[in-house]
Amino acid sequence: MCQENIYLLELVRYIHLNPIRAGIAKDLKSLDRYAYTGHSIIMGKRKNPWQDTDSVLQLFGKSQYAARKKYRDFVDKGIGRGRNPEMTGGGLLRS
């Protein structure tokens, strides 16, 4: 996986975990159903015609089921991390 993909996945995880960090969603199960983040769309619980989930899911696996499971596990591992200064304030500089 190239560095840009790693950064993309970390950024997606960080953004999607904001409701848990803010105390709006209490855990991953409630985040799966939370309507105001793209996580529930990636998990297939809601649909937005304008949101592309394939570009994220393809980084986790070939089948949608396996990719969603791996994506959810990846997000789950980020719950205890708290705020990440590298994900705030404008992003990563590229050369």
PDB file of N, CA and C in Angstrom:
ATOM      1  N   MET A   1       0.848  -1.166   0.000  1.00  0.00           N
ATOM      2  CA  MET A   1       0.000   0.000   0.000  1.00  0.00           C
ATOM      3  C   MET A   1       0.901   1.239   0.000  1.00  0.00           C
ATOM      4  N   CYS A   2       0.617   2.183  -0.877  1.00  0.00           N
ATOM      5  CA  CYS A   2       1.466   3.374  -0.941  1.00  0.00           C
ATOM      6  C   CYS A   2       1.142   4.337   0.203  1.00  0.00           C
ATOM      7  N   GLN A   3       2.039   5.259   0.439  1.00  0.00           N
ATOM      8  CA  GLN A   3       1.909   6.178   1.568  1.00  0.00           C
ATOM      9  C   GLN A   3       0.625   7.004   1.489  1.00  0.00           C
ATOM     10  N   GLU A   4       0.205   7.395   0.280  1.00  0.00           N
ATOM     11  CA  GLU A   4      -1.024   8.165   0.134  1.00  0.00           C
ATOM     12  C   GLU A   4      -2.232   7.356   0.591  1.00  0.00           C
ATOM     13  N   ASN A   5      -2.257   6.060   0.285  1.00  0.00           N
ATOM     14  CA  ASN A   5      -3.365   5.210   0.726  1.00  0.00           C
ATOM     15  C   ASN A   5      -3.378   5.058   2.242  1.00  0.00           C
ATOM     16  N   ILE A   6      -2.212   4.936   2.837  1.00  0.00           N
ATOM     17  CA  ILE A   6      -2.127   4.829   4.298  1.00  0.00           C
ATOM     18  C   ILE A   6      -2.667   6.108   4.927  1.00  0.00           C
ATOM     19  N   TYR A   7      -2.260   7.248   4.391  1.00  0.00           N
ATOM     20  CA  TYR A   7      -2.755   8.526   4.911  1.00  0.00           C
ATOM     21  C   TYR A   7      -4.267   8.638   4.711  1.00  0.00           C
ATOM     22  N   LEU A   8      -4.761   8.248   3.532  1.00  0.00           N
ATOM     23  CA  LEU A   8      -6.199   8.285   3.259  1.00  0.00           C
ATOM     24  C   LEU A   8      -6.965   7.456   4.280  1.00  0.00           C
ATOM     25  N   LEU A   9      -6.514   6.233   4.539  1.00  0.00           N
ATOM     26  CA  LEU A   9      -7.207   5.362   5.489  1.00  0.00           C
ATOM     27  C   LEU A   9      -7.172   5.935   6.899  1.00  0.00           C
ATOM     28  N   GLU A  10      -6.037   6.467   7.304  1.00  0.00           N
ATOM     29  CA  GLU A  10      -5.948   7.091   8.631  1.00  0.00           C
ATOM     30  C   GLU A  10      -6.877   8.294   8.730  1.00  0.00           C
ATOM     31  N   LEU A  11      -6.953   9.066   7.664  1.00  0.00           N
ATOM     32  CA  LEU A  11      -7.827  10.232   7.646  1.00  0.00           C
ATOM     33  C   LEU A  11      -9.298   9.823   7.707  1.00  0.00           C
ATOM     34  N   VAL A  12      -9.688   8.828   6.914  1.00  0.00           N
ATOM     35  CA  VAL A  12     -11.067   8.328   6.944  1.00  0.00           C
ATOM     36  C   VAL A  12     -11.409   7.823   8.339  1.00  0.00           C
ATOM     37  N   ARG A  13     -10.528   7.038   8.931  1.00  0.00           N
ATOM     38  CA  ARG A  13     -10.778   6.512  10.275  1.00  0.00           C
ATOM     39  C   ARG A  13     -10.908   7.653  11.279  1.00  0.00           C
ATOM     40  N   TYR A  14      -9.987   8.594  11.213  1.00  0.00           N
ATOM     41  CA  TYR A  14      -9.992   9.713  12.154  1.00  0.00           C
ATOM     42  C   TYR A  14     -11.298  10.509  12.055  1.00  0.00           C
ATOM     43  N   ILE A  15     -11.708  10.838  10.838  1.00  0.00           N
ATOM     44  CA  ILE A  15     -12.943  11.605  10.642  1.00  0.00           C
ATOM     45  C   ILE A  15     -14.154  10.811  11.105  1.00  0.00           C
ATOM     46  N   HIS A  16     -14.212   9.543  10.745  1.00  0.00           N
ATOM     47  CA  HIS A  16     -15.381   8.737  11.091  1.00  0.00           C
ATOM     48  C   HIS A  16     -15.479   8.448  12.581  1.00  0.00           C
ATOM     49  N   LEU A  17     -14.376   8.542  13.304  1.00  0.00           N
ATOM     50  CA  LEU A  17     -14.421   8.337  14.757  1.00  0.00           C
ATOM     51  C   LEU A  17     -14.737   9.612  15.537  1.00  0.00           C
ATOM     52  N   ASN A  18     -14.853  10.744  14.866  1.00  0.00           N
ATOM     53  CA  ASN A  18     -15.174  11.990  15.567  1.00  0.00           C
ATOM     54  C   ASN A  18     -16.430  11.895  16.432  1.00  0.00           C
ATOM     55  N   PRO A  19     -17.529  11.274  15.984  1.00  0.00           N
ATOM     56  CA  PRO A  19     -18.716  11.187  16.852  1.00  0.00           C
ATOM     57  C   PRO A  19     -18.466  10.408  18.146  1.00  0.00           C
ATOM     58  N   ILE A  20     -17.590   9.420  18.124  1.00  0.00           N
ATOM     59  CA  ILE A  20     -17.266   8.680  19.352  1.00  0.00           C
ATOM     60  C   ILE A  20     -16.413   9.556  20.261  1.00  0.00           C
ATOM     61  N   ARG A  21     -15.416  10.218  19.704  1.00  0.00           N
ATOM     62  CA  ARG A  21     -14.575  11.103  20.520  1.00  0.00           C
ATOM     63  C   ARG A  21     -15.386  12.238  21.135  1.00  0.00           C
ATOM     64  N   ALA A  22     -16.420  12.700  20.422  1.00  0.00           N
ATOM     65  CA  ALA A  22     -17.254  13.802  20.915  1.00  0.00           C
ATOM     66  C   ALA A  22     -18.344  13.326  21.873  1.00  0.00           C
ATOM     67  N   GLY A  23     -18.497  12.006  22.027  1.00  0.00           N
ATOM     68  CA  GLY A  23     -19.516  11.471  22.922  1.00  0.00           C
ATOM     69  C   GLY A  23     -20.905  11.414  22.305  1.00  0.00           C
ATOM     70  N   ILE A  24     -21.008  11.621  20.997  1.00  0.00           N
ATOM     71  CA  ILE A  24     -22.297  11.573  20.304  1.00  0.00           C
ATOM     72  C   ILE A  24     -22.693  10.128  20.021  1.00  0.00           C
ATOM     73  N   ALA A  25     -21.744   9.318  19.606  1.00  0.00           N
ATOM     74  CA  ALA A  25     -21.943   7.873  19.435  1.00  0.00           C
ATOM     75  C   ALA A  25     -21.146   7.203  20.550  1.00  0.00           C
ATOM     76  N   LYS A  26     -21.767   6.235  21.218  1.00  0.00           N
ATOM     77  CA  LYS A  26     -21.082   5.669  22.389  1.00  0.00           C
ATOM     78  C   LYS A  26     -20.094   4.569  22.051  1.00  0.00           C
ATOM     79  N   ASP A  27     -20.306   3.886  20.927  1.00  0.00           N
ATOM     80  CA  ASP A  27     -19.430   2.779  20.557  1.00  0.00           C
ATOM     81  C   ASP A  27     -19.523   2.531  19.055  1.00  0.00           C
ATOM     82  N   LEU A  28     -18.799   1.531  18.581  1.00  0.00           N
ATOM     83  CA  LEU A  28     -18.766   1.238  17.149  1.00  0.00           C
ATOM     84  C   LEU A  28     -20.130   0.805  16.628  1.00  0.00           C
ATOM     85  N   LYS A  29     -20.872   0.075  17.431  1.00  0.00           N
ATOM     86  CA  LYS A  29     -22.205  -0.372  17.007  1.00  0.00           C
ATOM     87  C   LYS A  29     -23.124   0.824  16.747  1.00  0.00           C
ATOM     88  N   SER A  30     -23.094   1.808  17.627  1.00  0.00           N
ATOM     89  CA  SER A  30     -23.928   2.996  17.401  1.00  0.00           C
ATOM     90  C   SER A  30     -23.367   3.850  16.259  1.00  0.00           C
ATOM     91  N   LEU A  31     -22.047   3.838  16.072  1.00  0.00           N
ATOM     92  CA  LEU A  31     -21.454   4.555  14.946  1.00  0.00           C
ATOM     93  C   LEU A  31     -21.888   3.936  13.617  1.00  0.00           C
ATOM     94  N   ASP A  32     -22.062   2.613  13.600  1.00  0.00           N
ATOM     95  CA  ASP A  32     -22.530   1.932  12.386  1.00  0.00           C
ATOM     96  C   ASP A  32     -23.860   2.501  11.899  1.00  0.00           C
ATOM     97  N   ARG A  33     -24.682   3.011  12.819  1.00  0.00           N
ATOM     98  CA  ARG A  33     -26.007   3.532  12.479  1.00  0.00           C
ATOM     99  C   ARG A  33     -26.073   5.061  12.494  1.00  0.00           C
ATOM    100  N   TYR A  34     -25.004   5.723  12.884  1.00  0.00           N
ATOM    101  CA  TYR A  34     -24.999   7.180  13.014  1.00  0.00           C
ATOM    102  C   TYR A  34     -25.133   7.829  11.633  1.00  0.00           C
ATOM    103  N   ALA A  35     -26.123   8.699  11.490  1.00  0.00           N
ATOM    104  CA  ALA A  35     -26.486   9.234  10.175  1.00  0.00           C
ATOM    105  C   ALA A  35     -25.584  10.352   9.664  1.00  0.00           C
ATOM    106  N   TYR A  36     -24.755  10.932  10.510  1.00  0.00           N
ATOM    107  CA  TYR A  36     -24.026  12.132  10.109  1.00  0.00           C
ATOM    108  C   TYR A  36     -22.535  11.907   9.892  1.00  0.00           C
ATOM    109  N   THR A  37     -22.174  10.724   9.487  1.00  0.00           N
ATOM    110  CA  THR A  37     -20.809  10.425   9.080  1.00  0.00           C
ATOM    111  C   THR A  37     -20.866   9.396   7.951  1.00  0.00           C
ATOM    112  N   GLY A  38     -19.832   9.341   7.149  1.00  0.00           N
ATOM    113  CA  GLY A  38     -19.799   8.401   6.039  1.00  0.00           C
ATOM    114  C   GLY A  38     -19.585   6.955   6.459  1.00  0.00           C
ATOM    115  N   HIS A  39     -19.252   6.730   7.719  1.00  0.00           N
ATOM    116  CA  HIS A  39     -19.004   5.367   8.195  1.00  0.00           C
ATOM    117  C   HIS A  39     -20.212   4.463   7.952  1.00  0.00           C
ATOM    118  N   SER A  40     -21.406   4.943   8.277  1.00  0.00           N
ATOM    119  CA  SER A  40     -22.601   4.107   8.096  1.00  0.00           C
ATOM    120  C   SER A  40     -22.846   3.795   6.620  1.00  0.00           C
ATOM    121  N   ILE A  41     -22.415   4.674   5.743  1.00  0.00           N
ATOM    122  CA  ILE A  41     -22.560   4.424   4.308  1.00  0.00           C
ATOM    123  C   ILE A  41     -21.550   3.376   3.854  1.00  0.00           C
ATOM    124  N   ILE A  42     -20.320   3.489   4.313  1.00  0.00           N
ATOM    125  CA  ILE A  42     -19.313   2.472   3.990  1.00  0.00           C
ATOM    126  C   ILE A  42     -19.760   1.110   4.507  1.00  0.00           C
ATOM    127  N   MET A  43     -20.405   1.090   5.674  1.00  0.00           N
ATOM    128  CA  MET A  43     -20.879  -0.168   6.254  1.00  0.00           C
ATOM    129  C   MET A  43     -22.158  -0.676   5.592  1.00  0.00           C
ATOM    130  N   GLY A  44     -22.742   0.088   4.660  1.00  0.00           N
ATOM    131  CA  GLY A  44     -23.928  -0.350   3.933  1.00  0.00           C
ATOM    132  C   GLY A  44     -25.232  -0.139   4.679  1.00  0.00           C
ATOM    133  N   LYS A  45     -25.226   0.661   5.729  1.00  0.00           N
ATOM    134  CA  LYS A  45     -26.440   0.911   6.520  1.00  0.00           C
ATOM    135  C   LYS A  45     -27.283   2.037   5.931  1.00  0.00           C
ATOM    136  N   ARG A  46     -26.651   2.930   5.176  1.00  0.00           N
ATOM    137  CA  ARG A  46     -27.334   4.039   4.512  1.00  0.00           C
ATOM    138  C   ARG A  46     -26.719   4.211   3.131  1.00  0.00           C
ATOM    139  N   LYS A  47     -27.388   5.025   2.301  1.00  0.00           N
ATOM    140  CA  LYS A  47     -26.851   5.296   0.967  1.00  0.00           C
ATOM    141  C   LYS A  47     -26.907   6.785   0.679  1.00  0.00           C
ATOM    142  N   ASN A  48     -25.867   7.278   0.069  1.00  0.00           N
ATOM    143  CA  ASN A  48     -25.815   8.614  -0.520  1.00  0.00           C
ATOM    144  C   ASN A  48     -25.355   8.406  -1.949  1.00  0.00           C
ATOM    145  N   PRO A  49     -26.146   8.826  -2.927  1.00  0.00           N
ATOM    146  CA  PRO A  49     -25.748   8.585  -4.315  1.00  0.00           C
ATOM    147  C   PRO A  49     -24.433   9.262  -4.692  1.00  0.00           C
ATOM    148  N   TRP A  50     -24.064  10.310  -3.991  1.00  0.00           N
ATOM    149  CA  TRP A  50     -22.852  11.056  -4.321  1.00  0.00           C
ATOM    150  C   TRP A  50     -21.608  10.534  -3.609  1.00  0.00           C
ATOM    151  N   GLN A  51     -21.782   9.635  -2.638  1.00  0.00           N
ATOM    152  CA  GLN A  51     -20.616   9.169  -1.872  1.00  0.00           C
ATOM    153  C   GLN A  51     -20.046   7.879  -2.450  1.00  0.00           C
ATOM    154  N   ASP A  52     -18.782   7.938  -2.824  1.00  0.00           N
ATOM    155  CA  ASP A  52     -18.075   6.774  -3.361  1.00  0.00           C
ATOM    156  C   ASP A  52     -17.465   5.979  -2.210  1.00  0.00           C
ATOM    157  N   THR A  53     -17.949   4.770  -2.005  1.00  0.00           N
ATOM    158  CA  THR A  53     -17.386   3.919  -0.953  1.00  0.00           C
ATOM    159  C   THR A  53     -16.376   2.924  -1.518  1.00  0.00           C
ATOM    160  N   ASP A  54     -16.454   2.676  -2.806  1.00  0.00           N
ATOM    161  CA  ASP A  54     -15.578   1.671  -3.421  1.00  0.00           C
ATOM    162  C   ASP A  54     -14.099   2.020  -3.288  1.00  0.00           C
ATOM    163  N   SER A  55     -13.758   3.303  -3.398  1.00  0.00           N
ATOM    164  CA  SER A  55     -12.341   3.681  -3.337  1.00  0.00           C
ATOM    165  C   SER A  55     -11.731   3.377  -1.974  1.00  0.00           C
ATOM    166  N   VAL A  56     -12.542   3.410  -0.920  1.00  0.00           N
ATOM    167  CA  VAL A  56     -12.057   3.035   0.413  1.00  0.00           C
ATOM    168  C   VAL A  56     -12.107   1.522   0.578  1.00  0.00           C
ATOM    169  N   LEU A  57     -13.244   0.926   0.243  1.00  0.00           N
ATOM    170  CA  LEU A  57     -13.404  -0.515   0.472  1.00  0.00           C
ATOM    171  C   LEU A  57     -12.418  -1.354  -0.332  1.00  0.00           C
ATOM    172  N   GLN A  58     -12.067  -0.927  -1.535  1.00  0.00           N
ATOM    173  CA  GLN A  58     -11.139  -1.726  -2.352  1.00  0.00           C
ATOM    174  C   GLN A  58      -9.759  -1.827  -1.715  1.00  0.00           C
ATOM    175  N   LEU A  59      -9.445  -0.924  -0.808  1.00  0.00           N
ATOM    176  CA  LEU A  59      -8.162  -0.992  -0.107  1.00  0.00           C
ATOM    177  C   LEU A  59      -8.162  -2.061   0.987  1.00  0.00           C
ATOM    178  N   PHE A  60      -9.337  -2.602   1.302  1.00  0.00           N
ATOM    179  CA  PHE A  60      -9.460  -3.609   2.357  1.00  0.00           C
ATOM    180  C   PHE A  60      -9.742  -5.014   1.835  1.00  0.00           C
ATOM    181  N   GLY A  61     -10.154  -5.150   0.597  1.00  0.00           N
ATOM    182  CA  GLY A  61     -10.415  -6.485   0.081  1.00  0.00           C
ATOM    183  C   GLY A  61     -11.197  -6.447  -1.212  1.00  0.00           C
ATOM    184  N   LYS A  62     -11.306  -7.611  -1.843  1.00  0.00           N
ATOM    185  CA  LYS A  62     -11.965  -7.698  -3.142  1.00  0.00           C
ATOM    186  C   LYS A  62     -13.474  -7.832  -3.014  1.00  0.00           C
ATOM    187  N   SER A  63     -13.936  -8.632  -2.079  1.00  0.00           N
ATOM    188  CA  SER A  63     -15.383  -8.764  -1.902  1.00  0.00           C
ATOM    189  C   SER A  63     -15.869  -7.690  -0.936  1.00  0.00           C
ATOM    190  N   GLN A  64     -17.067  -7.195  -1.185  1.00  0.00           N
ATOM    191  CA  GLN A  64     -17.617  -6.133  -0.347  1.00  0.00           C
ATOM    192  C   GLN A  64     -17.765  -6.573   1.106  1.00  0.00           C
ATOM    193  N   TYR A  65     -18.198  -7.808   1.310  1.00  0.00           N
ATOM    194  CA  TYR A  65     -18.381  -8.321   2.674  1.00  0.00           C
ATOM    195  C   TYR A  65     -17.049  -8.346   3.435  1.00  0.00           C
ATOM    196  N   ALA A  66     -16.026  -8.922   2.832  1.00  0.00           N
ATOM    197  CA  ALA A  66     -14.711  -9.014   3.485  1.00  0.00           C
ATOM    198  C   ALA A  66     -14.109  -7.627   3.692  1.00  0.00           C
ATOM    199  N   ALA A  67     -14.263  -6.752   2.702  1.00  0.00           N
ATOM    200  CA  ALA A  67     -13.713  -5.400   2.811  1.00  0.00           C
ATOM    201  C   ALA A  67     -14.379  -4.634   3.944  1.00  0.00           C
ATOM    202  N   ARG A  68     -15.702  -4.760   4.069  1.00  0.00           N
ATOM    203  CA  ARG A  68     -16.404  -4.072   5.165  1.00  0.00           C
ATOM    204  C   ARG A  68     -15.950  -4.593   6.520  1.00  0.00           C
ATOM    205  N   LYS A  69     -15.755  -5.884   6.621  1.00  0.00           N
ATOM    206  CA  LYS A  69     -15.310  -6.456   7.897  1.00  0.00           C
ATOM    207  C   LYS A  69     -13.921  -5.927   8.263  1.00  0.00           C
ATOM    208  N   LYS A  70     -13.008  -5.936   7.296  1.00  0.00           N
ATOM    209  CA  LYS A  70     -11.649  -5.442   7.557  1.00  0.00           C
ATOM    210  C   LYS A  70     -11.647  -3.942   7.845  1.00  0.00           C
ATOM    211  N   TYR A  71     -12.469  -3.195   7.107  1.00  0.00           N
ATOM    212  CA  TYR A  71     -12.579  -1.752   7.358  1.00  0.00           C
ATOM    213  C   TYR A  71     -13.087  -1.506   8.778  1.00  0.00           C
ATOM    214  N   ARG A  72     -14.133  -2.224   9.184  1.00  0.00           N
ATOM    215  CA  ARG A  72     -14.708  -2.040  10.524  1.00  0.00           C
ATOM    216  C   ARG A  72     -13.683  -2.389  11.605  1.00  0.00           C
ATOM    217  N   ASP A  73     -12.940  -3.464  11.403  1.00  0.00           N
ATOM    218  CA  ASP A  73     -11.876  -3.836  12.346  1.00  0.00           C
ATOM    219  C   ASP A  73     -10.813  -2.730  12.426  1.00  0.00           C
ATOM    220  N   PHE A  74     -10.470  -2.163  11.280  1.00  0.00           N
ATOM    221  CA  PHE A  74      -9.496  -1.071  11.223  1.00  0.00           C
ATOM    222  C   PHE A  74      -9.994   0.143  12.009  1.00  0.00           C
ATOM    223  N   VAL A  75     -11.256   0.504  11.809  1.00  0.00           N
ATOM    224  CA  VAL A  75     -11.842   1.635  12.540  1.00  0.00           C
ATOM    225  C   VAL A  75     -11.872   1.326  14.031  1.00  0.00           C
ATOM    226  N   ASP A  76     -12.262   0.114  14.379  1.00  0.00           N
ATOM    227  CA  ASP A  76     -12.342  -0.293  15.788  1.00  0.00           C
ATOM    228  C   ASP A  76     -10.992  -0.129  16.492  1.00  0.00           C
ATOM    229  N   LYS A  77      -9.917  -0.467  15.811  1.00  0.00           N
ATOM    230  CA  LYS A  77      -8.576  -0.357  16.410  1.00  0.00           C
ATOM    231  C   LYS A  77      -8.177   1.094  16.677  1.00  0.00           C
ATOM    232  N   GLY A  78      -8.847   2.035  16.052  1.00  0.00           N
ATOM    233  CA  GLY A  78      -8.532   3.441  16.255  1.00  0.00           C
ATOM    234  C   GLY A  78      -9.297   4.095  17.388  1.00  0.00           C
ATOM    235  N   ILE A  79     -10.265   3.399  17.973  1.00  0.00           N
ATOM    236  CA  ILE A  79     -11.119   4.010  18.994  1.00  0.00           C
ATOM    237  C   ILE A  79     -10.320   4.492  20.192  1.00  0.00           C
ATOM    238  N   GLY A  80      -9.399   3.720  20.687  1.00  0.00           N
ATOM    239  CA  GLY A  80      -8.649   4.100  21.877  1.00  0.00           C
ATOM    240  C   GLY A  80      -7.531   5.105  21.642  1.00  0.00           C
ATOM    241  N   ARG A  81      -7.291   5.474  20.413  1.00  0.00           N
ATOM    242  CA  ARG A  81      -6.159   6.349  20.091  1.00  0.00           C
ATOM    243  C   ARG A  81      -6.373   7.818  20.451  1.00  0.00           C
ATOM    244  N   GLY A  82      -7.610   8.264  20.516  1.00  0.00           N
ATOM    245  CA  GLY A  82      -7.865   9.674  20.801  1.00  0.00           C
ATOM    246  C   GLY A  82      -7.539  10.561  19.616  1.00  0.00           C
ATOM    247  N   ARG A  83      -7.296  11.809  19.894  1.00  0.00           N
ATOM    248  CA  ARG A  83      -6.995  12.784  18.835  1.00  0.00           C
ATOM    249  C   ARG A  83      -5.583  12.569  18.291  1.00  0.00           C
ATOM    250  N   ASN A  84      -5.451  12.776  16.996  1.00  0.00           N
ATOM    251  CA  ASN A  84      -4.167  12.615  16.326  1.00  0.00           C
ATOM    252  C   ASN A  84      -3.761  13.957  15.722  1.00  0.00           C
ATOM    253  N   PRO A  85      -2.724  14.594  16.252  1.00  0.00           N
ATOM    254  CA  PRO A  85      -2.321  15.908  15.741  1.00  0.00           C
ATOM    255  C   PRO A  85      -1.968  15.914  14.253  1.00  0.00           C
ATOM    256  N   GLU A  86      -1.553  14.775  13.716  1.00  0.00           N
ATOM    257  CA  GLU A  86      -1.220  14.704  12.291  1.00  0.00           C
ATOM    258  C   GLU A  86      -2.455  14.799  11.408  1.00  0.00           C
ATOM    259  N   MET A  87      -3.638  14.571  11.974  1.00  0.00           N
ATOM    260  CA  MET A  87      -4.874  14.593  11.203  1.00  0.00           C
ATOM    261  C   MET A  87      -5.626  15.916  11.349  1.00  0.00           C
ATOM    262  N   THR A  88      -5.079  16.864  12.060  1.00  0.00           N
ATOM    263  CA  THR A  88      -5.752  18.149  12.247  1.00  0.00           C
ATOM    264  C   THR A  88      -4.893  19.272  11.694  1.00  0.00           C
ATOM    265  N   GLY A  89      -5.530  20.347  11.341  1.00  0.00           N
ATOM    266  CA  GLY A  89      -4.794  21.546  10.972  1.00  0.00           C
ATOM    267  C   GLY A  89      -4.269  21.616   9.562  1.00  0.00           C
ATOM    268  N   GLY A  90      -4.874  20.918   8.617  1.00  0.00           N
ATOM    269  CA  GLY A  90      -4.499  21.146   7.229  1.00  0.00           C
ATOM    270  C   GLY A  90      -3.852  19.997   6.509  1.00  0.00           C
ATOM    271  N   GLY A  91      -3.607  18.901   7.150  1.00  0.00           N
ATOM    272  CA  GLY A  91      -3.137  17.736   6.438  1.00  0.00           C
ATOM    273  C   GLY A  91      -1.633  17.626   6.303  1.00  0.00           C
ATOM    274  N   LEU A  92      -1.234  16.691   5.464  1.00  0.00           N
ATOM    275  CA  LEU A  92       0.156  16.317   5.287  1.00  0.00           C
ATOM    276  C   LEU A  92       0.756  17.076   4.107  1.00  0.00           C
ATOM    277  N   LEU A  93       1.956  17.539   4.261  1.00  0.00           N
ATOM    278  CA  LEU A  93       2.654  18.188   3.152  1.00  0.00           C
ATOM    279  C   LEU A  93       3.296  17.124   2.274  1.00  0.00           C
ATOM    280  N   ARG A  94       3.170  17.298   0.986  1.00  0.00           N
ATOM    281  CA  ARG A  94       3.755  16.355   0.031  1.00  0.00           C
ATOM    282  C   ARG A  94       4.880  17.042  -0.727  1.00  0.00           C
ATOM    283  N   SER A  95       5.878  16.279  -1.124  1.00  0.00           N
ATOM    284  CA  SER A  95       6.949  16.877  -1.933  1.00  0.00           C
ATOM    285  C   SER A  95       6.652  16.693  -3.399  1.00  0.00           C
TER     286      SER A  95
END
